[in-house]
Amino acid sequence: MAEFQEFDQALIQGYIENLGVSVVERMLELYIQQSAIYLHEIEQAIKTESQDDWQERCHKMKGAAASVGLMNIHAFMADIEKSTLPWVEKEQLIERVSGLNSQAIGSFKEWLAVIS
């Protein structure tokens, strides 16, 4: 079985080589801030039951995750962004995304601490 990686280490290593660790750390901090906003906006889309807002916000978070190499978040958002599941099930999806996001961010920070 292949080892599962929460983030694209090769992509991040390339960023570090080209931009430096401090820039990558700042990129991660910006992602953390932005993902909190996106998660809040997705929750609002659930409350208003707006499929258009759901898709738009999920799509934005998917792109943000890809830009910092968070492969598991990107893949999960790609899976759910066009979901037409009932809203109560979408609430459960976002709870899962939030947990996965926190875990991925933690792993990314640990990895950065080790290599820097």
N, C-alpha and C. Protein backbone atom coordinates (compact mmCIF):
# COMPACT_ATOMS: atom_id res chain seq x y z
N MET A 1 0.85 -1.18 0.00
CA MET A 1 0.00 0.00 0.00
C MET A 1 0.89 1.24 0.00
N ALA A 2 0.55 2.21 -0.82
CA ALA A 2 1.34 3.43 -0.92
C ALA A 2 1.17 4.27 0.33
N GLU A 3 2.22 4.98 0.69
CA GLU A 3 2.16 5.86 1.85
C GLU A 3 1.32 7.08 1.50
N PHE A 4 0.38 7.39 2.37
CA PHE A 4 -0.49 8.54 2.16
C PHE A 4 0.21 9.80 2.65
N GLN A 5 0.21 10.81 1.82
CA GLN A 5 0.80 12.08 2.21
C GLN A 5 -0.29 13.13 2.25
N GLU A 6 -0.31 13.89 3.34
CA GLU A 6 -1.31 14.94 3.46
C GLU A 6 -0.98 16.14 2.58
N PHE A 7 0.32 16.31 2.31
CA PHE A 7 0.70 17.45 1.48
C PHE A 7 1.80 17.02 0.51
N ASP A 8 1.95 17.81 -0.53
CA ASP A 8 2.90 17.53 -1.60
C ASP A 8 4.28 18.04 -1.19
N GLN A 9 5.07 17.12 -0.62
CA GLN A 9 6.39 17.52 -0.13
C GLN A 9 7.30 18.01 -1.25
N ALA A 10 7.20 17.43 -2.42
CA ALA A 10 8.05 17.87 -3.54
C ALA A 10 7.72 19.31 -3.93
N LEU A 11 6.43 19.63 -3.98
CA LEU A 11 6.01 21.00 -4.31
C LEU A 11 6.54 21.98 -3.27
N ILE A 12 6.34 21.63 -1.99
CA ILE A 12 6.77 22.52 -0.91
C ILE A 12 8.29 22.65 -0.88
N GLN A 13 9.00 21.55 -1.13
CA GLN A 13 10.46 21.60 -1.18
C GLN A 13 10.91 22.54 -2.30
N GLY A 14 10.22 22.50 -3.42
CA GLY A 14 10.53 23.42 -4.52
C GLY A 14 10.29 24.87 -4.13
N TYR A 15 9.18 25.11 -3.42
CA TYR A 15 8.92 26.47 -2.93
C TYR A 15 10.05 26.92 -2.00
N ILE A 16 10.47 26.03 -1.11
CA ILE A 16 11.52 26.38 -0.15
C ILE A 16 12.82 26.70 -0.88
N GLU A 17 13.17 25.88 -1.87
CA GLU A 17 14.41 26.10 -2.62
C GLU A 17 14.37 27.41 -3.39
N ASN A 18 13.21 27.76 -3.91
CA ASN A 18 13.09 28.97 -4.73
C ASN A 18 12.75 30.23 -3.94
N LEU A 19 12.01 30.07 -2.85
CA LEU A 19 11.51 31.23 -2.14
C LEU A 19 12.04 31.37 -0.71
N GLY A 20 12.47 30.26 -0.14
CA GLY A 20 12.96 30.27 1.24
C GLY A 20 11.88 29.82 2.23
N VAL A 21 12.34 29.33 3.36
CA VAL A 21 11.43 28.80 4.38
C VAL A 21 10.49 29.87 4.90
N SER A 22 10.98 31.07 5.12
CA SER A 22 10.12 32.11 5.70
C SER A 22 8.94 32.44 4.79
N VAL A 23 9.16 32.42 3.49
CA VAL A 23 8.05 32.68 2.56
C VAL A 23 7.05 31.53 2.61
N VAL A 24 7.53 30.31 2.68
CA VAL A 24 6.64 29.15 2.77
C VAL A 24 5.85 29.19 4.08
N GLU A 25 6.50 29.56 5.17
CA GLU A 25 5.79 29.70 6.44
C GLU A 25 4.69 30.76 6.34
N ARG A 26 4.99 31.84 5.66
CA ARG A 26 3.99 32.92 5.46
C ARG A 26 2.86 32.41 4.57
N MET A 27 3.19 31.65 3.53
CA MET A 27 2.15 31.08 2.67
C MET A 27 1.21 30.21 3.49
N LEU A 28 1.76 29.40 4.37
CA LEU A 28 0.94 28.53 5.20
C LEU A 28 0.07 29.36 6.14
N GLU A 29 0.63 30.39 6.73
CA GLU A 29 -0.17 31.25 7.62
C GLU A 29 -1.33 31.91 6.87
N LEU A 30 -1.05 32.36 5.66
CA LEU A 30 -2.13 32.95 4.85
C LEU A 30 -3.19 31.91 4.51
N TYR A 31 -2.76 30.70 4.22
CA TYR A 31 -3.71 29.63 3.95
C TYR A 31 -4.58 29.36 5.18
N ILE A 32 -3.96 29.31 6.34
CA ILE A 32 -4.70 29.06 7.57
C ILE A 32 -5.79 30.12 7.75
N GLN A 33 -5.43 31.37 7.57
CA GLN A 33 -6.40 32.47 7.68
C GLN A 33 -7.50 32.33 6.64
N GLN A 34 -7.11 32.09 5.40
CA GLN A 34 -8.08 32.03 4.31
C GLN A 34 -8.98 30.81 4.44
N SER A 35 -8.43 29.68 4.84
CA SER A 35 -9.25 28.48 4.96
C SER A 35 -10.30 28.65 6.05
N ALA A 36 -9.97 29.37 7.12
CA ALA A 36 -10.96 29.65 8.17
C ALA A 36 -12.12 30.47 7.59
N ILE A 37 -11.79 31.43 6.75
CA ILE A 37 -12.83 32.24 6.09
C ILE A 37 -13.67 31.37 5.17
N TYR A 38 -13.02 30.54 4.37
CA TYR A 38 -13.77 29.67 3.45
C TYR A 38 -14.67 28.70 4.20
N LEU A 39 -14.16 28.11 5.28
CA LEU A 39 -14.99 27.19 6.06
C LEU A 39 -16.21 27.91 6.62
N HIS A 40 -16.02 29.12 7.10
CA HIS A 40 -17.15 29.90 7.61
C HIS A 40 -18.15 30.18 6.48
N GLU A 41 -17.65 30.55 5.32
CA GLU A 41 -18.53 30.84 4.18
C GLU A 41 -19.28 29.59 3.72
N ILE A 42 -18.62 28.45 3.77
CA ILE A 42 -19.28 27.19 3.40
C ILE A 42 -20.39 26.89 4.41
N GLU A 43 -20.11 27.12 5.68
CA GLU A 43 -21.13 26.92 6.71
C GLU A 43 -22.33 27.85 6.47
N GLN A 44 -22.05 29.07 6.04
CA GLN A 44 -23.14 30.00 5.72
C GLN A 44 -23.96 29.50 4.52
N ALA A 45 -23.28 28.92 3.54
CA ALA A 45 -23.99 28.37 2.38
C ALA A 45 -24.92 27.24 2.81
N ILE A 46 -24.47 26.47 3.80
CA ILE A 46 -25.32 25.40 4.34
C ILE A 46 -26.53 26.00 5.02
N LYS A 47 -26.32 27.02 5.83
CA LYS A 47 -27.43 27.65 6.56
C LYS A 47 -28.47 28.24 5.61
N THR A 48 -27.99 28.82 4.51
CA THR A 48 -28.92 29.43 3.55
C THR A 48 -29.36 28.44 2.47
N GLU A 49 -28.79 27.25 2.54
CA GLU A 49 -29.08 26.19 1.56
C GLU A 49 -28.90 26.67 0.12
N SER A 50 -27.77 27.34 -0.10
CA SER A 50 -27.43 27.86 -1.43
C SER A 50 -26.42 26.93 -2.11
N GLN A 51 -26.90 26.20 -3.09
CA GLN A 51 -26.02 25.29 -3.82
C GLN A 51 -24.94 26.07 -4.57
N ASP A 52 -25.30 27.22 -5.14
CA ASP A 52 -24.31 28.04 -5.85
C ASP A 52 -23.20 28.49 -4.92
N ASP A 53 -23.57 28.98 -3.73
CA ASP A 53 -22.56 29.42 -2.76
C ASP A 53 -21.72 28.24 -2.29
N TRP A 54 -22.37 27.10 -2.06
CA TRP A 54 -21.66 25.88 -1.65
C TRP A 54 -20.56 25.56 -2.66
N GLN A 55 -20.94 25.49 -3.92
CA GLN A 55 -19.97 25.12 -4.96
C GLN A 55 -18.86 26.15 -5.07
N GLU A 56 -19.23 27.43 -5.06
CA GLU A 56 -18.22 28.49 -5.20
C GLU A 56 -17.22 28.47 -4.04
N ARG A 57 -17.71 28.34 -2.81
CA ARG A 57 -16.83 28.37 -1.64
C ARG A 57 -15.96 27.11 -1.58
N CYS A 58 -16.56 25.96 -1.89
CA CYS A 58 -15.77 24.72 -1.91
C CYS A 58 -14.68 24.80 -2.98
N HIS A 59 -15.03 25.37 -4.12
CA HIS A 59 -14.07 25.50 -5.22
C HIS A 59 -12.90 26.40 -4.80
N LYS A 60 -13.20 27.49 -4.12
CA LYS A 60 -12.15 28.40 -3.65
C LYS A 60 -11.22 27.71 -2.66
N MET A 61 -11.82 26.95 -1.73
CA MET A 61 -10.99 26.26 -0.74
C MET A 61 -10.15 25.19 -1.42
N LYS A 62 -10.72 24.53 -2.41
CA LYS A 62 -9.97 23.51 -3.16
C LYS A 62 -8.73 24.15 -3.79
N GLY A 63 -8.89 25.30 -4.41
CA GLY A 63 -7.76 25.98 -5.03
C GLY A 63 -6.72 26.45 -4.03
N ALA A 64 -7.19 26.97 -2.91
CA ALA A 64 -6.26 27.43 -1.87
C ALA A 64 -5.44 26.26 -1.34
N ALA A 65 -6.10 25.13 -1.12
CA ALA A 65 -5.39 23.94 -0.63
C ALA A 65 -4.34 23.47 -1.63
N ALA A 66 -4.69 23.50 -2.91
CA ALA A 66 -3.75 23.07 -3.94
C ALA A 66 -2.52 23.99 -3.98
N SER A 67 -2.75 25.28 -3.76
CA SER A 67 -1.64 26.23 -3.87
C SER A 67 -0.58 26.02 -2.80
N VAL A 68 -0.95 25.43 -1.67
CA VAL A 68 0.04 25.14 -0.63
C VAL A 68 0.32 23.64 -0.53
N GLY A 69 -0.16 22.89 -1.51
CA GLY A 69 0.17 21.48 -1.58
C GLY A 69 -0.58 20.56 -0.64
N LEU A 70 -1.70 21.01 -0.09
CA LEU A 70 -2.49 20.16 0.81
C LEU A 70 -3.36 19.22 -0.02
N MET A 71 -2.77 18.12 -0.42
CA MET A 71 -3.40 17.20 -1.38
C MET A 71 -4.68 16.57 -0.85
N ASN A 72 -4.71 16.20 0.42
CA ASN A 72 -5.91 15.54 0.93
C ASN A 72 -7.09 16.51 0.98
N ILE A 73 -6.85 17.75 1.34
CA ILE A 73 -7.92 18.75 1.39
C ILE A 73 -8.39 19.05 -0.04
N HIS A 74 -7.44 19.22 -0.94
CA HIS A 74 -7.78 19.46 -2.34
C HIS A 74 -8.66 18.34 -2.88
N ALA A 75 -8.26 17.10 -2.67
CA ALA A 75 -9.01 15.95 -3.17
C ALA A 75 -10.40 15.88 -2.55
N PHE A 76 -10.48 16.11 -1.25
CA PHE A 76 -11.77 16.06 -0.58
C PHE A 76 -12.70 17.14 -1.10
N MET A 77 -12.18 18.35 -1.26
CA MET A 77 -13.01 19.45 -1.77
C MET A 77 -13.44 19.18 -3.20
N ALA A 78 -12.57 18.57 -4.00
CA ALA A 78 -12.95 18.21 -5.36
C ALA A 78 -14.10 17.21 -5.36
N ASP A 79 -14.07 16.30 -4.41
CA ASP A 79 -15.13 15.30 -4.29
C ASP A 79 -16.47 15.90 -3.88
N ILE A 80 -16.44 16.92 -3.03
CA ILE A 80 -17.70 17.41 -2.48
C ILE A 80 -18.23 18.70 -3.10
N GLU A 81 -17.42 19.41 -3.87
CA GLU A 81 -17.85 20.73 -4.31
C GLU A 81 -19.13 20.71 -5.14
N LYS A 82 -19.40 19.67 -5.86
CA LYS A 82 -20.62 19.61 -6.67
C LYS A 82 -21.68 18.69 -6.05
N SER A 83 -21.47 18.37 -4.78
CA SER A 83 -22.37 17.47 -4.08
C SER A 83 -23.79 18.05 -4.00
N THR A 84 -24.74 17.19 -4.22
CA THR A 84 -26.15 17.57 -4.05
C THR A 84 -26.77 16.79 -2.89
N LEU A 85 -25.93 16.33 -1.98
CA LEU A 85 -26.41 15.65 -0.79
C LEU A 85 -27.33 16.59 0.00
N PRO A 86 -28.18 16.02 0.84
CA PRO A 86 -29.00 16.88 1.71
C PRO A 86 -28.10 17.75 2.59
N TRP A 87 -28.63 18.90 2.98
CA TRP A 87 -27.83 19.88 3.71
C TRP A 87 -27.31 19.34 5.03
N VAL A 88 -28.08 18.50 5.69
CA VAL A 88 -27.62 17.92 6.95
C VAL A 88 -26.37 17.06 6.72
N GLU A 89 -26.31 16.39 5.60
CA GLU A 89 -25.12 15.59 5.28
C GLU A 89 -23.95 16.49 4.89
N LYS A 90 -24.24 17.61 4.27
CA LYS A 90 -23.18 18.56 3.94
C LYS A 90 -22.56 19.14 5.21
N GLU A 91 -23.38 19.32 6.25
CA GLU A 91 -22.84 19.77 7.53
C GLU A 91 -21.80 18.79 8.04
N GLN A 92 -22.07 17.50 7.90
CA GLN A 92 -21.13 16.48 8.34
C GLN A 92 -19.86 16.50 7.48
N LEU A 93 -20.01 16.77 6.20
CA LEU A 93 -18.84 16.87 5.32
C LEU A 93 -17.93 18.01 5.76
N ILE A 94 -18.51 19.14 6.11
CA ILE A 94 -17.70 20.29 6.50
C ILE A 94 -17.03 20.05 7.85
N GLU A 95 -17.69 19.34 8.74
CA GLU A 95 -17.03 18.97 10.00
C GLU A 95 -15.81 18.11 9.70
N ARG A 96 -15.96 17.21 8.75
CA ARG A 96 -14.84 16.35 8.37
C ARG A 96 -13.72 17.17 7.72
N VAL A 97 -14.09 18.09 6.84
CA VAL A 97 -13.10 18.96 6.19
C VAL A 97 -12.33 19.75 7.25
N SER A 98 -13.04 20.28 8.21
CA SER A 98 -12.39 21.07 9.26
C SER A 98 -11.35 20.25 10.01
N GLY A 99 -11.71 19.02 10.36
CA GLY A 99 -10.77 18.14 11.04
C GLY A 99 -9.58 17.78 10.18
N LEU A 100 -9.85 17.43 8.93
CA LEU A 100 -8.77 17.09 8.00
C LEU A 100 -7.84 18.28 7.79
N ASN A 101 -8.43 19.46 7.69
CA ASN A 101 -7.66 20.68 7.47
C ASN A 101 -6.72 20.94 8.65
N SER A 102 -7.25 20.82 9.86
CA SER A 102 -6.42 21.02 11.05
C SER A 102 -5.28 20.01 11.10
N GLN A 103 -5.60 18.77 10.79
CA GLN A 103 -4.58 17.72 10.80
C GLN A 103 -3.51 17.99 9.75
N ALA A 104 -3.91 18.37 8.56
CA ALA A 104 -2.95 18.64 7.48
C ALA A 104 -2.06 19.83 7.82
N ILE A 105 -2.66 20.86 8.37
CA ILE A 105 -1.87 22.04 8.77
C ILE A 105 -0.85 21.65 9.84
N GLY A 106 -1.27 20.86 10.80
CA GLY A 106 -0.35 20.41 11.84
C GLY A 106 0.81 19.61 11.28
N SER A 107 0.50 18.69 10.37
CA SER A 107 1.56 17.89 9.75
C SER A 107 2.52 18.76 8.94
N PHE A 108 1.97 19.72 8.23
CA PHE A 108 2.78 20.64 7.42
C PHE A 108 3.72 21.42 8.34
N LYS A 109 3.19 21.95 9.45
CA LYS A 109 4.01 22.72 10.39
C LYS A 109 5.12 21.85 10.99
N GLU A 110 4.77 20.63 11.37
CA GLU A 110 5.78 19.71 11.93
C GLU A 110 6.88 19.44 10.92
N TRP A 111 6.50 19.19 9.68
CA TRP A 111 7.46 18.92 8.63
C TRP A 111 8.37 20.13 8.40
N LEU A 112 7.78 21.32 8.37
CA LEU A 112 8.59 22.54 8.20
C LEU A 112 9.58 22.71 9.34
N ALA A 113 9.13 22.42 10.56
CA ALA A 113 10.02 22.56 11.73
C ALA A 113 11.21 21.61 11.62
N VAL A 114 10.98 20.43 11.09
CA VAL A 114 12.06 19.44 10.98
C VAL A 114 13.06 19.84 9.91
N ILE A 115 12.58 20.35 8.78
CA ILE A 115 13.51 20.64 7.69
C ILE A 115 14.18 21.99 7.79
N SER A 116 13.63 22.88 8.63
CA SER A 116 14.23 24.22 8.69
C SER A 116 15.20 24.37 9.83
